[in-house]
Amino acid sequence: MNPSIKAIVTAVVAFGLFLALGFNATRAGEPALFVGWEVALANHSSLVAWWLTWVCYPQVLGPIAVALLVVAWRAPSWRSRILLSVVMLLLCWRGADLFQHIFMRPRRLDWVVRHETSFSYPSSHAAIATGFYALWAGMLYASSLPGWVRRVVAPCLLLFALGVGWSRLALGAHYLTDLLGGVLLAVALVAAALAVIPVKVLAPPAGRP
């Protein structure tokens, strides 16, 4: 199957699952199977969870995006990837915010450290962690950078993205379905972008950043 067709199919399926999960979670509530996990994970390693939560706030993402744009200016072979990641960052952030106002799911009440009052589904942290940090993990792994970067840094970055999701449960900021919704939304957005961007963005870069 043509890569663009695969990406379109992935985007449609992920977005359909995202909508179905959102409507079900909003109307029927959190599945009983998930509630026990959420309660068990809440209020553990709160300081670590708080620091992981911060990596998806504008105060951290803004400087990272600026630094990436500087690298894009200095390293043309990585420009397309960097611009894609910054665009995905913005789309995941604003897209999650838009759908939070559509679904209007209330936040959990067993919050830790900070009571966030915005709507709950989908998790913008999960969307950003997937559409930005996990995307970079995939791009680094598929690159022509030295083997240790591909085999060590890329998996660590993926684990970092998973850690962000865990932090939202540890702080009682989201339900598990909120996190799954954020991941599905990010997958849909990234897949849609990959369906229309030039193929060269997916090919290994000619040099190092």
Protein backbone atom coordinates (compact mmCIF):
# COMPACT_ATOMS: atom_id res chain seq x y z
CA MET A 1 0.00 0.00 0.00
CA ASN A 2 1.20 3.50 -0.81
CA PRO A 3 2.69 5.21 2.30
CA SER A 4 0.36 8.19 1.87
CA ILE A 5 -2.68 5.90 1.76
CA LYS A 6 -1.47 4.10 4.89
CA ALA A 7 -1.07 7.43 6.65
CA ILE A 8 -4.58 8.53 5.64
CA VAL A 9 -6.10 5.25 6.84
CA THR A 10 -4.21 5.57 10.13
CA ALA A 11 -5.41 9.15 10.57
CA VAL A 12 -9.05 8.26 9.88
CA VAL A 13 -9.05 5.21 12.16
CA ALA A 14 -7.26 7.04 15.00
CA PHE A 15 -9.60 10.03 14.76
CA GLY A 16 -12.65 7.77 14.69
CA LEU A 17 -11.46 5.94 17.81
CA PHE A 18 -10.70 9.30 19.44
CA LEU A 19 -14.26 10.53 18.87
CA ALA A 20 -15.86 7.23 19.94
CA LEU A 21 -13.78 7.12 23.14
CA GLY A 22 -14.58 10.74 23.93
CA PHE A 23 -18.34 10.38 23.51
CA ASN A 24 -18.38 7.13 25.50
CA ALA A 25 -16.24 8.48 28.35
CA THR A 26 -18.29 11.67 28.56
CA ARG A 27 -21.65 9.89 28.62
CA ALA A 28 -20.89 6.62 30.43
CA GLY A 29 -18.04 7.78 32.67
CA GLU A 30 -14.72 6.13 33.33
CA PRO A 31 -14.68 2.31 32.91
CA ALA A 32 -14.58 0.56 36.29
CA LEU A 33 -11.51 -1.40 35.18
CA PHE A 34 -9.52 1.83 34.86
CA VAL A 35 -10.67 3.46 38.11
CA GLY A 36 -8.68 1.07 40.31
CA TRP A 37 -5.49 1.77 38.37
CA GLU A 38 -6.04 5.50 38.52
CA VAL A 39 -6.58 5.48 42.28
CA ALA A 40 -3.53 3.26 42.82
CA LEU A 41 -1.27 5.54 40.74
CA ALA A 42 -2.42 8.82 42.25
CA ASN A 43 -0.24 10.68 44.76
CA HIS A 44 2.95 8.70 44.15
CA SER A 45 6.30 10.37 43.41
CA SER A 46 4.48 13.68 43.14
CA LEU A 47 7.64 15.78 42.78
CA VAL A 48 8.88 13.71 39.83
CA ALA A 49 5.41 13.78 38.32
CA TRP A 50 5.25 17.56 38.65
CA TRP A 51 8.57 18.03 36.85
CA LEU A 52 7.44 15.71 34.05
CA THR A 53 4.19 17.63 33.80
CA TRP A 54 6.12 20.89 33.39
CA VAL A 55 7.81 19.73 30.15
CA CYS A 56 4.50 20.19 28.35
CA TYR A 57 3.88 23.73 29.58
CA PRO A 58 4.62 26.77 27.37
CA GLN A 59 7.41 27.91 29.71
CA VAL A 60 9.41 24.83 28.67
CA LEU A 61 8.08 24.16 25.19
CA GLY A 62 8.61 27.76 24.05
CA PRO A 63 12.42 27.76 24.55
CA ILE A 64 12.64 24.24 23.08
CA ALA A 65 10.78 25.35 19.95
CA VAL A 66 13.01 28.43 19.58
CA ALA A 67 16.15 26.30 19.98
CA LEU A 68 14.87 23.87 17.35
CA LEU A 69 14.19 26.71 14.92
CA VAL A 70 17.76 27.92 15.42
CA VAL A 71 19.00 24.41 14.63
CA ALA A 72 16.73 24.35 11.55
CA TRP A 73 18.35 27.58 10.34
CA ARG A 74 21.84 26.14 10.83
CA ALA A 75 21.12 22.58 9.59
CA PRO A 76 19.12 22.56 6.36
CA SER A 77 19.08 18.74 6.19
CA TRP A 78 17.00 18.66 9.39
CA ARG A 79 14.81 21.65 8.57
CA SER A 80 11.78 19.71 7.36
CA ARG A 81 11.76 17.46 10.40
CA ILE A 82 12.12 20.33 12.82
CA LEU A 83 9.38 22.37 11.17
CA LEU A 84 7.13 19.31 11.20
CA SER A 85 7.73 18.79 14.93
CA VAL A 86 7.00 22.44 15.78
CA VAL A 87 3.81 22.42 13.70
CA MET A 88 2.72 19.17 15.36
CA LEU A 89 3.43 20.69 18.76
CA LEU A 90 1.11 23.60 18.03
CA LEU A 91 -1.59 21.43 16.44
CA CYS A 92 -1.61 18.92 19.31
CA TRP A 93 -1.77 21.69 21.89
CA ARG A 94 -4.50 23.73 20.23
CA GLY A 95 -6.34 20.67 18.93
CA ALA A 96 -6.59 19.15 22.40
CA ASP A 97 -7.79 22.48 23.78
CA LEU A 98 -10.47 22.71 21.06
CA PHE A 99 -11.82 19.23 21.73
CA GLN A 100 -11.75 19.77 25.49
CA HIS A 101 -14.30 22.52 24.93
CA ILE A 102 -16.34 20.24 22.67
CA PHE A 103 -16.52 17.28 25.06
CA MET A 104 -16.53 19.42 28.26
CA ARG A 105 -15.62 16.50 30.53
CA PRO A 106 -15.01 17.61 34.15
CA ARG A 107 -11.65 16.99 35.79
CA ARG A 108 -11.00 14.40 38.48
CA LEU A 109 -11.56 15.50 42.07
CA ASP A 110 -8.65 13.58 43.65
CA TRP A 111 -6.06 16.00 42.31
CA VAL A 112 -2.56 16.36 43.79
CA VAL A 113 -0.33 19.50 43.93
CA ARG A 114 -2.42 21.61 41.57
CA HIS A 115 -6.14 21.72 40.86
CA GLU A 116 -6.51 22.20 37.12
CA THR A 117 -9.91 23.56 36.18
CA SER A 118 -9.86 23.20 32.40
CA PHE A 119 -11.83 20.38 30.81
CA SER A 120 -10.42 16.87 30.89
CA TYR A 121 -10.83 15.04 27.54
CA PRO A 122 -8.49 14.78 25.74
CA SER A 123 -5.29 15.29 27.71
CA SER A 124 -3.22 18.00 26.04
CA HIS A 125 -0.15 16.64 27.84
CA ALA A 126 -0.66 13.20 26.30
CA ALA A 127 -1.24 14.75 22.88
CA ILE A 128 1.94 16.86 23.09
CA ALA A 129 4.00 14.01 24.53
CA THR A 130 2.94 11.83 21.59
CA GLY A 131 2.88 14.39 18.79
CA PHE A 132 6.14 16.08 19.79
CA TYR A 133 8.40 14.05 22.09
CA ALA A 134 7.45 10.60 20.76
CA LEU A 135 7.54 11.98 17.22
CA TRP A 136 11.13 13.06 17.81
CA ALA A 137 11.92 9.61 19.16
CA GLY A 138 10.68 8.12 15.91
CA MET A 139 12.50 10.64 13.72
CA LEU A 140 15.79 10.13 15.56
CA TYR A 141 15.48 6.35 15.35
CA ALA A 142 14.84 6.55 11.58
CA SER A 143 17.70 9.00 11.00
CA SER A 144 21.29 8.45 9.88
CA LEU A 145 22.71 9.69 13.19
CA PRO A 146 25.24 7.48 15.03
CA GLY A 147 23.95 4.15 16.26
CA TRP A 148 24.04 5.09 19.94
CA VAL A 149 21.69 8.00 19.28
CA ARG A 150 19.25 5.77 17.47
CA ARG A 151 19.45 2.90 19.97
CA VAL A 152 19.74 4.89 23.21
CA VAL A 153 18.46 8.46 22.86
CA ALA A 154 15.39 7.59 20.80
CA PRO A 155 14.06 4.91 23.22
CA CYS A 156 14.82 7.19 26.19
CA LEU A 157 12.82 9.96 24.56
CA LEU A 158 9.93 7.54 24.03
CA LEU A 159 10.07 6.51 27.69
CA PHE A 160 10.13 10.20 28.57
CA ALA A 161 6.90 10.69 26.62
CA LEU A 162 5.32 7.76 28.47
CA GLY A 163 6.50 9.31 31.73
CA VAL A 164 4.55 12.47 30.94
CA GLY A 165 1.40 10.37 30.65
CA TRP A 166 2.15 8.66 33.95
CA SER A 167 2.64 12.05 35.62
CA ARG A 168 -0.92 13.09 34.79
CA LEU A 169 -2.26 10.02 36.56
CA ALA A 170 0.12 10.44 39.51
CA LEU A 171 -1.12 14.02 39.97
CA GLY A 172 -4.77 13.03 39.60
CA ALA A 173 -5.06 15.49 36.72
CA HIS A 174 -6.62 13.12 34.18
CA TYR A 175 -8.45 9.88 33.69
CA LEU A 176 -6.75 7.10 31.74
CA THR A 177 -9.27 7.59 28.93
CA ASP A 178 -8.17 11.23 28.71
CA LEU A 179 -4.60 10.06 28.09
CA LEU A 180 -5.69 7.52 25.49
CA GLY A 181 -7.71 10.24 23.79
CA GLY A 182 -4.70 12.56 23.68
CA VAL A 183 -2.56 9.82 22.15
CA LEU A 184 -5.20 9.01 19.51
CA LEU A 185 -5.62 12.68 18.61
CA ALA A 186 -1.86 13.11 18.20
CA VAL A 187 -1.58 9.95 16.10
CA ALA A 188 -4.38 11.20 13.86
CA LEU A 189 -2.75 14.61 13.43
CA VAL A 190 0.75 13.24 12.77
CA ALA A 191 -0.57 10.63 10.33
CA ALA A 192 -2.58 13.27 8.48
CA ALA A 193 0.53 15.45 8.21
CA LEU A 194 2.65 12.55 6.97
CA ALA A 195 0.05 11.88 4.28
CA VAL A 196 0.56 15.28 2.68
CA ILE A 197 4.17 16.30 3.39
CA PRO A 198 6.96 15.55 0.90
CA VAL A 199 8.47 12.07 1.09
CA LYS A 200 11.92 13.58 1.74
CA VAL A 201 10.80 14.49 5.26
CA LEU A 202 10.65 10.78 6.09
CA ALA A 203 13.99 9.89 4.48
CA PRO A 204 17.22 9.84 6.53
CA PRO A 205 18.86 13.29 6.55
CA ALA A 206 22.11 13.82 4.71
CA GLY A 207 23.98 15.07 7.77
CA ARG A 208 23.86 15.65 11.45
CA PRO A 209 22.18 18.65 13.08
